């Protein structure tokens, strides 16, 4: 697992970001936004890129209140992402978005059509498996695998004990294994 996303320069990047230096803010966004967007996408977020932007607006707005190392920072970012996701879900439950007029979109031309098709199929499989997990299991697995957070960091982000996180992770992996076996899926 890649844990150091700042090449050993996290403290310097954080200090510069607190001074609002554009290069440091950009580095934080570029380092963490892909995994945050992936987490939100796999959690079923309707507009993961928009919500990722909201997450980082919150991160940058509250940066001065953060104190800790890179691991704690990632945990803090994913805590903000999780809260924004919960806010979105509450909003949508009260005021569902209108259905689009057309769900058909023009596909972008790809140089590697087979690779694009394979990637789309793999993404659909992962999303289908994630949707069939218990929500707590899905959240823990996504934070551990996509967010690359430690058990301790996940526990802090979701407000559970480390033992509960380990148990949810274990049961989630077992559930995925059973689903894949039942459906004849191969990794």
N, C-alpha and C. Protein backbone atom coordinates (compact mmCIF):
# COMPACT_ATOMS: atom_id res chain seq x y z
N UNK A 1 0.83 -1.20 0.00
CA UNK A 1 0.00 0.00 0.00
C UNK A 1 0.87 1.25 0.00
N UNK A 2 0.51 2.20 -0.81
CA UNK A 2 1.23 3.46 -0.82
C UNK A 2 0.71 4.31 0.32
N UNK A 3 1.56 4.60 1.29
CA UNK A 3 1.13 5.37 2.45
C UNK A 3 1.66 6.80 2.38
N UNK A 4 2.86 6.99 1.83
CA UNK A 4 3.47 8.32 1.78
C UNK A 4 3.16 8.95 0.43
N UNK A 5 2.18 9.83 0.42
CA UNK A 5 1.77 10.47 -0.83
C UNK A 5 2.50 11.79 -1.08
N UNK A 6 3.39 12.17 -0.15
CA UNK A 6 4.04 13.47 -0.26
C UNK A 6 5.56 13.35 -0.31
N UNK A 7 6.06 12.16 -0.63
CA UNK A 7 7.50 11.97 -0.80
C UNK A 7 8.32 12.36 0.42
N UNK A 8 7.78 12.13 1.60
CA UNK A 8 8.49 12.47 2.83
C UNK A 8 8.49 13.95 3.15
N UNK A 9 7.70 14.74 2.42
CA UNK A 9 7.69 16.19 2.62
C UNK A 9 6.37 16.70 3.16
N UNK A 10 5.61 15.83 3.83
CA UNK A 10 4.28 16.23 4.28
C UNK A 10 4.31 17.48 5.16
N UNK A 11 5.23 17.52 6.13
CA UNK A 11 5.27 18.65 7.05
C UNK A 11 5.51 19.97 6.31
N UNK A 12 6.41 19.94 5.32
CA UNK A 12 6.70 21.16 4.55
C UNK A 12 5.50 21.55 3.69
N UNK A 13 4.85 20.56 3.09
CA UNK A 13 3.67 20.85 2.27
C UNK A 13 2.56 21.42 3.14
N UNK A 14 2.33 20.83 4.30
CA UNK A 14 1.28 21.32 5.20
C UNK A 14 1.57 22.74 5.67
N UNK A 15 2.82 23.02 6.03
CA UNK A 15 3.18 24.37 6.47
C UNK A 15 2.94 25.38 5.35
N UNK A 16 3.33 25.03 4.13
CA UNK A 16 3.11 25.93 2.99
C UNK A 16 1.62 26.09 2.70
N UNK A 17 0.87 25.00 2.84
CA UNK A 17 -0.59 25.08 2.61
C UNK A 17 -1.24 25.98 3.65
N UNK A 18 -0.76 25.95 4.87
CA UNK A 18 -1.30 26.83 5.91
C UNK A 18 -0.99 28.29 5.61
N UNK A 19 0.08 28.53 4.84
CA UNK A 19 0.39 29.91 4.40
C UNK A 19 -0.34 30.24 3.10
N UNK A 20 -1.19 29.29 2.65
CA UNK A 20 -1.99 29.44 1.43
C UNK A 20 -1.15 29.55 0.17
N UNK A 21 -0.02 28.86 0.15
CA UNK A 21 0.82 28.84 -1.05
C UNK A 21 0.15 27.91 -2.06
N UNK A 22 -0.15 28.44 -3.26
CA UNK A 22 -0.90 27.66 -4.26
C UNK A 22 -0.29 26.30 -4.59
N UNK A 23 1.02 26.20 -4.71
CA UNK A 23 1.65 24.93 -5.06
C UNK A 23 1.35 23.86 -4.01
N UNK A 24 1.30 24.26 -2.74
CA UNK A 24 1.06 23.29 -1.67
C UNK A 24 -0.40 22.84 -1.65
N UNK A 25 -1.31 23.77 -1.86
CA UNK A 25 -2.73 23.41 -1.92
C UNK A 25 -2.98 22.47 -3.10
N UNK A 26 -2.34 22.78 -4.22
CA UNK A 26 -2.48 21.93 -5.41
C UNK A 26 -1.90 20.54 -5.15
N UNK A 27 -0.78 20.48 -4.47
CA UNK A 27 -0.16 19.17 -4.18
C UNK A 27 -1.05 18.32 -3.28
N UNK A 28 -1.66 18.93 -2.29
CA UNK A 28 -2.58 18.20 -1.42
C UNK A 28 -3.75 17.68 -2.24
N UNK A 29 -4.33 18.54 -3.06
CA UNK A 29 -5.47 18.14 -3.89
C UNK A 29 -5.09 17.02 -4.85
N UNK A 30 -3.97 17.17 -5.55
CA UNK A 30 -3.56 16.16 -6.53
C UNK A 30 -3.18 14.85 -5.87
N UNK A 31 -2.67 14.91 -4.65
CA UNK A 31 -2.25 13.69 -3.96
C UNK A 31 -3.42 12.89 -3.42
N UNK A 32 -4.46 13.57 -2.97
CA UNK A 32 -5.54 12.87 -2.27
C UNK A 32 -6.88 12.85 -3.00
N UNK A 33 -7.10 13.77 -3.93
CA UNK A 33 -8.42 13.82 -4.57
C UNK A 33 -8.77 12.56 -5.36
N UNK A 34 -7.83 11.89 -6.04
CA UNK A 34 -8.23 10.67 -6.76
C UNK A 34 -8.78 9.58 -5.84
N UNK A 35 -8.16 9.40 -4.68
CA UNK A 35 -8.64 8.35 -3.78
C UNK A 35 -9.93 8.76 -3.09
N UNK A 36 -10.09 10.05 -2.81
CA UNK A 36 -11.35 10.53 -2.23
C UNK A 36 -12.48 10.34 -3.25
N UNK A 37 -12.23 10.71 -4.50
CA UNK A 37 -13.25 10.55 -5.54
C UNK A 37 -13.59 9.07 -5.73
N UNK A 38 -12.59 8.22 -5.69
CA UNK A 38 -12.84 6.78 -5.82
C UNK A 38 -13.69 6.25 -4.68
N UNK A 39 -13.40 6.68 -3.48
CA UNK A 39 -14.20 6.30 -2.30
C UNK A 39 -15.64 6.75 -2.48
N UNK A 40 -15.83 8.00 -2.86
CA UNK A 40 -17.19 8.53 -3.03
C UNK A 40 -17.93 7.82 -4.16
N UNK A 41 -17.23 7.54 -5.26
CA UNK A 41 -17.84 6.86 -6.40
C UNK A 41 -18.31 5.46 -5.98
N UNK A 42 -17.46 4.72 -5.27
CA UNK A 42 -17.82 3.37 -4.86
C UNK A 42 -18.86 3.35 -3.75
N UNK A 43 -19.04 4.47 -3.09
CA UNK A 43 -20.10 4.59 -2.08
C UNK A 43 -21.43 4.99 -2.72
N UNK A 44 -21.44 5.14 -4.05
CA UNK A 44 -22.68 5.43 -4.75
C UNK A 44 -23.02 6.89 -4.87
N UNK A 45 -22.04 7.74 -4.68
CA UNK A 45 -22.26 9.19 -4.80
C UNK A 45 -22.65 9.52 -6.25
N UNK A 46 -23.66 10.35 -6.40
CA UNK A 46 -24.13 10.70 -7.75
C UNK A 46 -23.13 11.55 -8.52
N UNK A 47 -22.52 12.47 -7.86
CA UNK A 47 -21.56 13.38 -8.50
C UNK A 47 -20.26 13.37 -7.70
N UNK A 48 -19.47 12.30 -7.82
CA UNK A 48 -18.27 12.18 -6.98
C UNK A 48 -17.25 13.30 -7.20
N UNK A 49 -17.12 13.79 -8.42
CA UNK A 49 -16.15 14.86 -8.66
C UNK A 49 -16.58 16.16 -7.99
N UNK A 50 -17.87 16.47 -8.07
CA UNK A 50 -18.38 17.67 -7.41
C UNK A 50 -18.22 17.57 -5.89
N UNK A 51 -18.56 16.40 -5.34
CA UNK A 51 -18.46 16.23 -3.90
C UNK A 51 -17.00 16.23 -3.46
N UNK A 52 -16.11 15.70 -4.28
CA UNK A 52 -14.67 15.75 -3.97
C UNK A 52 -14.22 17.20 -3.87
N UNK A 53 -14.69 18.03 -4.78
CA UNK A 53 -14.35 19.46 -4.72
C UNK A 53 -14.85 20.08 -3.42
N UNK A 54 -16.07 19.73 -3.02
CA UNK A 54 -16.61 20.24 -1.76
C UNK A 54 -15.78 19.77 -0.58
N UNK A 55 -15.34 18.52 -0.62
CA UNK A 55 -14.50 17.98 0.46
C UNK A 55 -13.24 18.83 0.60
N UNK A 56 -12.59 19.11 -0.52
CA UNK A 56 -11.33 19.85 -0.43
C UNK A 56 -11.54 21.33 -0.12
N UNK A 57 -12.69 21.88 -0.46
CA UNK A 57 -12.99 23.23 0.02
C UNK A 57 -13.04 23.22 1.54
N UNK A 58 -13.68 22.20 2.10
CA UNK A 58 -13.74 22.06 3.56
C UNK A 58 -12.36 21.83 4.16
N UNK A 59 -11.55 21.01 3.50
CA UNK A 59 -10.19 20.75 3.98
C UNK A 59 -9.40 22.05 4.02
N UNK A 60 -9.41 22.79 2.92
CA UNK A 60 -8.62 24.02 2.85
C UNK A 60 -9.15 25.09 3.78
N UNK A 61 -10.46 25.15 3.94
CA UNK A 61 -11.07 26.13 4.83
C UNK A 61 -10.65 25.88 6.29
N UNK A 62 -10.51 24.61 6.66
CA UNK A 62 -10.24 24.25 8.06
C UNK A 62 -8.81 23.77 8.28
N UNK A 63 -7.94 24.00 7.34
CA UNK A 63 -6.57 23.50 7.41
C UNK A 63 -5.84 23.96 8.68
N UNK A 64 -6.07 25.17 9.10
CA UNK A 64 -5.36 25.70 10.27
C UNK A 64 -5.72 24.93 11.54
N UNK A 65 -6.88 24.28 11.55
CA UNK A 65 -7.29 23.54 12.75
C UNK A 65 -6.68 22.14 12.81
N UNK A 66 -6.04 21.69 11.73
CA UNK A 66 -5.47 20.35 11.71
C UNK A 66 -4.12 20.35 12.39
N UNK A 67 -3.88 19.28 13.17
CA UNK A 67 -2.60 19.08 13.82
C UNK A 67 -2.29 17.59 13.80
N UNK A 68 -1.19 17.20 13.18
CA UNK A 68 -0.82 15.80 13.14
C UNK A 68 0.04 15.49 11.95
N UNK A 69 0.30 14.20 11.75
CA UNK A 69 1.13 13.74 10.65
C UNK A 69 0.30 13.36 9.44
N UNK A 70 0.96 12.76 8.46
CA UNK A 70 0.29 12.43 7.20
C UNK A 70 -0.84 11.43 7.39
N UNK A 71 -0.63 10.42 8.21
CA UNK A 71 -1.68 9.43 8.45
C UNK A 71 -2.92 10.05 9.06
N UNK A 72 -2.71 10.90 10.05
CA UNK A 72 -3.84 11.59 10.66
C UNK A 72 -4.51 12.54 9.68
N UNK A 73 -3.72 13.12 8.79
CA UNK A 73 -4.28 14.03 7.79
C UNK A 73 -5.20 13.28 6.83
N UNK A 74 -4.73 12.13 6.34
CA UNK A 74 -5.58 11.33 5.45
C UNK A 74 -6.86 10.92 6.15
N UNK A 75 -6.74 10.52 7.40
CA UNK A 75 -7.93 10.15 8.18
C UNK A 75 -8.88 11.34 8.30
N UNK A 76 -8.33 12.51 8.56
CA UNK A 76 -9.13 13.73 8.69
C UNK A 76 -9.84 14.06 7.38
N UNK A 77 -9.11 13.93 6.26
CA UNK A 77 -9.71 14.20 4.93
C UNK A 77 -10.86 13.23 4.68
N UNK A 78 -10.66 11.94 4.98
CA UNK A 78 -11.72 10.96 4.74
C UNK A 78 -12.88 11.13 5.72
N UNK A 79 -12.61 11.65 6.89
CA UNK A 79 -13.71 11.97 7.81
C UNK A 79 -14.59 13.07 7.21
N UNK A 80 -13.95 14.07 6.63
CA UNK A 80 -14.69 15.15 5.96
C UNK A 80 -15.46 14.59 4.77
N UNK A 81 -14.82 13.72 3.99
CA UNK A 81 -15.49 13.11 2.82
C UNK A 81 -16.70 12.30 3.26
N UNK A 82 -16.55 11.54 4.31
CA UNK A 82 -17.65 10.72 4.81
C UNK A 82 -18.82 11.61 5.26
N UNK A 83 -18.50 12.69 5.96
CA UNK A 83 -19.57 13.60 6.42
C UNK A 83 -20.28 14.27 5.26
N UNK A 84 -19.52 14.67 4.24
CA UNK A 84 -20.15 15.28 3.05
C UNK A 84 -21.04 14.26 2.34
N UNK A 85 -20.60 13.01 2.29
CA UNK A 85 -21.40 11.95 1.67
C UNK A 85 -22.70 11.74 2.45
N UNK A 86 -22.61 11.69 3.76
CA UNK A 86 -23.81 11.54 4.59
C UNK A 86 -24.76 12.73 4.40
N UNK A 87 -24.19 13.94 4.33
CA UNK A 87 -25.00 15.14 4.07
C UNK A 87 -25.72 15.02 2.73
N UNK A 88 -25.00 14.55 1.69
CA UNK A 88 -25.61 14.38 0.38
C UNK A 88 -26.75 13.37 0.43
N UNK A 89 -26.53 12.27 1.12
CA UNK A 89 -27.57 11.25 1.22
C UNK A 89 -28.80 11.78 1.94
N UNK A 90 -28.61 12.54 3.00
CA UNK A 90 -29.76 13.14 3.70
C UNK A 90 -30.50 14.11 2.80
N UNK A 91 -29.74 14.94 2.08
CA UNK A 91 -30.36 15.91 1.17
C UNK A 91 -31.17 15.20 0.09
N UNK A 92 -30.60 14.15 -0.49
CA UNK A 92 -31.30 13.43 -1.55
C UNK A 92 -32.52 12.68 -1.04
N UNK A 93 -32.48 12.25 0.21
CA UNK A 93 -33.65 11.56 0.75
C UNK A 93 -34.80 12.54 0.97
N UNK A 94 -34.48 13.80 1.25
CA UNK A 94 -35.52 14.81 1.44
C UNK A 94 -35.97 15.43 0.12
N UNK A 95 -35.03 15.62 -0.79
CA UNK A 95 -35.29 16.28 -2.07
C UNK A 95 -34.58 15.54 -3.18
N UNK A 96 -35.17 14.45 -3.67
CA UNK A 96 -34.49 13.69 -4.75
C UNK A 96 -34.28 14.55 -5.98
N UNK A 97 -33.16 14.33 -6.63
CA UNK A 97 -32.87 15.04 -7.88
C UNK A 97 -33.84 14.57 -8.96
N UNK A 98 -34.25 15.45 -9.86
CA UNK A 98 -35.11 15.02 -10.97
C UNK A 98 -34.34 14.09 -11.89
N UNK A 99 -35.06 13.18 -12.50
CA UNK A 99 -34.44 12.26 -13.44
C UNK A 99 -34.01 13.03 -14.69
N UNK A 100 -32.87 12.69 -15.25
CA UNK A 100 -32.42 13.38 -16.47
C UNK A 100 -33.33 13.03 -17.64
N UNK A 101 -33.39 13.93 -18.61
CA UNK A 101 -34.21 13.71 -19.79
C UNK A 101 -33.70 12.53 -20.60
N UNK A 102 -32.40 12.40 -20.65
CA UNK A 102 -31.82 11.31 -21.40
C UNK A 102 -30.62 10.76 -20.64
N UNK A 103 -30.57 9.46 -20.51
CA UNK A 103 -29.43 8.85 -19.84
C UNK A 103 -28.35 8.46 -20.82
N UNK A 104 -28.62 8.64 -22.10
CA UNK A 104 -27.63 8.30 -23.12
C UNK A 104 -26.61 9.43 -23.24
N UNK A 105 -25.35 9.06 -23.25
CA UNK A 105 -24.29 10.03 -23.47
C UNK A 105 -23.45 9.55 -24.64
N UNK A 106 -22.82 10.49 -25.28
CA UNK A 106 -21.94 10.14 -26.38
C UNK A 106 -20.62 9.66 -25.80
N UNK A 107 -20.23 8.44 -26.12
CA UNK A 107 -18.97 7.94 -25.58
C UNK A 107 -17.79 8.67 -26.21
N UNK A 108 -16.74 8.84 -25.40
CA UNK A 108 -15.54 9.48 -25.93
C UNK A 108 -14.75 8.44 -26.72
N UNK A 109 -14.13 8.89 -27.77
CA UNK A 109 -13.31 7.99 -28.56
C UNK A 109 -12.09 7.58 -27.75
N UNK A 110 -11.77 6.30 -27.82
CA UNK A 110 -10.62 5.79 -27.08
C UNK A 110 -9.65 5.12 -28.03
N UNK A 111 -8.37 5.29 -27.75
CA UNK A 111 -7.36 4.64 -28.57
C UNK A 111 -7.37 3.14 -28.33
N UNK A 112 -7.59 2.73 -27.10
CA UNK A 112 -7.59 1.32 -26.73
C UNK A 112 -9.02 0.92 -26.35
N UNK A 113 -9.81 0.58 -27.35
CA UNK A 113 -11.22 0.27 -27.14
C UNK A 113 -11.37 -0.93 -26.22
N UNK A 114 -10.61 -2.00 -26.46
CA UNK A 114 -10.71 -3.21 -25.64
C UNK A 114 -10.33 -2.89 -24.19
N UNK A 115 -9.29 -2.11 -24.00
CA UNK A 115 -8.88 -1.73 -22.64
C UNK A 115 -9.95 -0.91 -21.94
N UNK A 116 -10.59 -0.01 -22.68
CA UNK A 116 -11.67 0.79 -22.10
C UNK A 116 -12.86 -0.07 -21.73
N UNK A 117 -13.19 -1.03 -22.58
CA UNK A 117 -14.31 -1.94 -22.30
C UNK A 117 -13.98 -2.79 -21.07
N UNK A 118 -12.77 -3.35 -21.03
CA UNK A 118 -12.37 -4.19 -19.89
C UNK A 118 -12.41 -3.39 -18.59
N UNK A 119 -11.94 -2.15 -18.63
CA UNK A 119 -11.94 -1.30 -17.43
C UNK A 119 -13.37 -1.00 -17.00
N UNK A 120 -14.25 -0.71 -17.95
CA UNK A 120 -15.65 -0.43 -17.61
C UNK A 120 -16.32 -1.64 -16.98
N UNK A 121 -16.05 -2.82 -17.53
CA UNK A 121 -16.64 -4.05 -16.99
C UNK A 121 -16.12 -4.31 -15.59
N UNK A 122 -14.81 -4.14 -15.39
CA UNK A 122 -14.22 -4.35 -14.07
C UNK A 122 -14.79 -3.37 -13.05
N UNK A 123 -14.94 -2.12 -13.46
CA UNK A 123 -15.51 -1.11 -12.56
C UNK A 123 -16.94 -1.47 -12.19
N UNK A 124 -17.73 -1.90 -13.17
CA UNK A 124 -19.11 -2.30 -12.89
C UNK A 124 -19.16 -3.48 -11.93
N UNK A 125 -18.24 -4.44 -12.08
CA UNK A 125 -18.20 -5.59 -11.18
C UNK A 125 -17.90 -5.15 -9.75
N UNK A 126 -16.91 -4.29 -9.60
CA UNK A 126 -16.54 -3.81 -8.27
C UNK A 126 -17.71 -3.05 -7.65
N UNK A 127 -18.35 -2.17 -8.42
CA UNK A 127 -19.48 -1.42 -7.90
C UNK A 127 -20.63 -2.35 -7.52
N UNK A 128 -20.89 -3.37 -8.33
CA UNK A 128 -21.97 -4.32 -8.02
C UNK A 128 -21.66 -5.08 -6.73
N UNK A 129 -20.42 -5.50 -6.56
CA UNK A 129 -20.04 -6.19 -5.32
C UNK A 129 -20.17 -5.27 -4.11
N UNK A 130 -19.72 -4.04 -4.25
CA UNK A 130 -19.78 -3.09 -3.14
C UNK A 130 -21.22 -2.81 -2.72
N UNK A 131 -22.11 -2.71 -3.69
CA UNK A 131 -23.52 -2.43 -3.38
C UNK A 131 -24.15 -3.56 -2.58
N UNK A 132 -23.63 -4.78 -2.72
CA UNK A 132 -24.23 -5.93 -2.04
C UNK A 132 -23.67 -6.14 -0.64
N UNK A 133 -22.67 -5.37 -0.25
CA UNK A 133 -22.13 -5.47 1.10
C UNK A 133 -23.00 -4.69 2.08
N UNK A 134 -22.93 -5.06 3.33
CA UNK A 134 -23.56 -4.27 4.39
C UNK A 134 -22.87 -2.90 4.37
N UNK A 135 -23.62 -1.81 4.53
CA UNK A 135 -23.00 -0.47 4.42
C UNK A 135 -21.75 -0.27 5.28
N UNK A 136 -21.76 -0.74 6.53
CA UNK A 136 -20.58 -0.57 7.38
C UNK A 136 -19.38 -1.34 6.84
N UNK A 137 -19.61 -2.53 6.31
CA UNK A 137 -18.52 -3.32 5.73
C UNK A 137 -17.96 -2.60 4.50
N UNK A 138 -18.86 -2.12 3.65
CA UNK A 138 -18.44 -1.43 2.43
C UNK A 138 -17.60 -0.21 2.79
N UNK A 139 -18.06 0.55 3.75
CA UNK A 139 -17.35 1.77 4.13
C UNK A 139 -15.95 1.45 4.66
N UNK A 140 -15.84 0.46 5.53
CA UNK A 140 -14.54 0.10 6.09
C UNK A 140 -13.61 -0.40 4.99
N UNK A 141 -14.09 -1.28 4.12
CA UNK A 141 -13.24 -1.80 3.04
C UNK A 141 -12.78 -0.70 2.09
N UNK A 142 -13.68 0.21 1.76
CA UNK A 142 -13.30 1.29 0.84
C UNK A 142 -12.28 2.22 1.48
N UNK A 143 -12.45 2.53 2.75
CA UNK A 143 -11.48 3.40 3.42
C UNK A 143 -10.13 2.71 3.55
N UNK A 144 -10.16 1.40 3.79
CA UNK A 144 -8.89 0.66 3.92
C UNK A 144 -8.21 0.49 2.56
N UNK A 145 -8.97 0.12 1.52
CA UNK A 145 -8.38 -0.21 0.23
C UNK A 145 -8.22 0.99 -0.68
N UNK A 146 -9.26 1.77 -0.83
CA UNK A 146 -9.19 2.94 -1.72
C UNK A 146 -8.49 4.10 -1.01
N UNK A 147 -8.89 4.35 0.23
CA UNK A 147 -8.29 5.45 0.98
C UNK A 147 -6.93 5.13 1.56
N UNK A 148 -6.60 3.83 1.60
CA UNK A 148 -5.32 3.36 2.14
C UNK A 148 -5.10 3.83 3.57
N UNK A 149 -6.18 3.83 4.35
CA UNK A 149 -6.08 4.21 5.75
C UNK A 149 -5.78 2.98 6.59
N UNK A 150 -5.09 3.20 7.70
CA UNK A 150 -4.83 2.12 8.64
C UNK A 150 -6.11 1.82 9.42
N UNK A 151 -6.11 0.72 10.15
CA UNK A 151 -7.26 0.37 10.98
C UNK A 151 -7.54 1.50 11.97
N UNK A 152 -6.49 2.04 12.56
CA UNK A 152 -6.64 3.13 13.53
C UNK A 152 -7.26 4.36 12.87
N UNK A 153 -6.81 4.67 11.67
CA UNK A 153 -7.33 5.85 10.96
C UNK A 153 -8.79 5.65 10.55
N UNK A 154 -9.14 4.44 10.12
CA UNK A 154 -10.53 4.15 9.77
C UNK A 154 -11.41 4.27 11.00
N UNK A 155 -10.94 3.72 12.12
CA UNK A 155 -11.71 3.79 13.35
C UNK A 155 -11.99 5.24 13.73
N UNK A 156 -11.00 6.09 13.59
CA UNK A 156 -11.20 7.51 13.90
C UNK A 156 -12.16 8.16 12.93
N UNK A 157 -12.07 7.79 11.65
CA UNK A 157 -12.92 8.41 10.62
C UNK A 157 -14.39 8.03 10.77
N UNK A 158 -14.66 6.77 11.17
CA UNK A 158 -16.05 6.31 11.22
C UNK A 158 -16.61 6.26 12.64
N UNK A 159 -15.79 6.58 13.63
CA UNK A 159 -16.27 6.62 15.00
C UNK A 159 -16.54 5.24 15.59
N UNK A 160 -15.72 4.26 15.24
CA UNK A 160 -15.86 2.90 15.77
C UNK A 160 -14.54 2.50 16.42
N UNK A 161 -14.58 1.42 17.20
CA UNK A 161 -13.35 0.92 17.80
C UNK A 161 -12.52 0.21 16.74
N UNK A 162 -11.23 0.05 17.02
CA UNK A 162 -10.36 -0.66 16.09
C UNK A 162 -10.81 -2.11 15.94
N UNK A 163 -11.27 -2.72 17.03
CA UNK A 163 -11.77 -4.09 16.96
C UNK A 163 -12.97 -4.21 16.05
N UNK A 164 -13.88 -3.23 16.14
CA UNK A 164 -15.06 -3.24 15.28
C UNK A 164 -14.66 -3.08 13.81
N UNK A 165 -13.67 -2.23 13.55
CA UNK A 165 -13.20 -2.02 12.18
C UNK A 165 -12.59 -3.32 11.64
N UNK A 166 -11.77 -3.97 12.45
CA UNK A 166 -11.16 -5.24 12.01
C UNK A 166 -12.24 -6.29 11.72
N UNK A 167 -13.24 -6.36 12.60
CA UNK A 167 -14.32 -7.33 12.40
C UNK A 167 -15.11 -7.03 11.13
N UNK A 168 -15.44 -5.77 10.90
CA UNK A 168 -16.16 -5.39 9.69
C UNK A 168 -15.34 -5.69 8.44
N UNK A 169 -14.05 -5.41 8.51
CA UNK A 169 -13.16 -5.70 7.38
C UNK A 169 -13.14 -7.20 7.11
N UNK A 170 -12.98 -7.99 8.14
CA UNK A 170 -12.93 -9.45 7.99
C UNK A 170 -14.23 -9.98 7.38
N UNK A 171 -15.36 -9.56 7.94
CA UNK A 171 -16.65 -10.02 7.43
C UNK A 171 -16.89 -9.52 6.01
N UNK A 172 -16.43 -8.31 5.70
CA UNK A 172 -16.57 -7.78 4.34
C UNK A 172 -15.81 -8.60 3.33
N UNK A 173 -14.56 -8.96 3.66
CA UNK A 173 -13.78 -9.79 2.74
C UNK A 173 -14.42 -11.17 2.57
N UNK A 174 -14.92 -11.74 3.66
CA UNK A 174 -15.59 -13.04 3.55
C UNK A 174 -16.83 -12.93 2.66
N UNK A 175 -17.60 -11.86 2.84
CA UNK A 175 -18.81 -11.67 2.03
C UNK A 175 -18.46 -11.52 0.55
N UNK A 176 -17.42 -10.76 0.25
CA UNK A 176 -17.01 -10.60 -1.15
C UNK A 176 -16.58 -11.94 -1.72
N UNK A 177 -15.83 -12.70 -0.95
CA UNK A 177 -15.39 -14.02 -1.40
C UNK A 177 -16.57 -14.93 -1.71
N UNK A 178 -17.58 -14.92 -0.83
CA UNK A 178 -18.77 -15.75 -1.07
C UNK A 178 -19.51 -15.28 -2.32
N UNK A 179 -19.66 -13.98 -2.48
CA UNK A 179 -20.36 -13.45 -3.66
C UNK A 179 -19.63 -13.82 -4.94
N UNK A 180 -18.32 -13.67 -4.93
CA UNK A 180 -17.55 -13.98 -6.13
C UNK A 180 -17.62 -15.47 -6.44
N UNK A 181 -17.55 -16.32 -5.43
CA UNK A 181 -17.63 -17.76 -5.64
C UNK A 181 -18.99 -18.14 -6.19
N UNK A 182 -20.05 -17.56 -5.60
CA UNK A 182 -21.41 -17.85 -6.04
C UNK A 182 -21.63 -17.46 -7.49
N UNK A 183 -21.01 -16.37 -7.91
CA UNK A 183 -21.20 -15.87 -9.27
C UNK A 183 -20.13 -16.36 -10.24
N UNK A 184 -19.20 -17.19 -9.75
CA UNK A 184 -18.16 -17.72 -10.63
C UNK A 184 -17.18 -16.66 -11.10
N UNK A 185 -17.04 -15.59 -10.33
CA UNK A 185 -16.12 -14.51 -10.72
C UNK A 185 -14.70 -14.88 -10.33
N UNK A 186 -13.77 -14.48 -11.16
CA UNK A 186 -12.37 -14.72 -10.91
C UNK A 186 -11.66 -13.39 -10.88
N UNK A 187 -10.75 -13.24 -9.91
CA UNK A 187 -9.95 -12.01 -9.86
C UNK A 187 -8.89 -12.00 -10.91
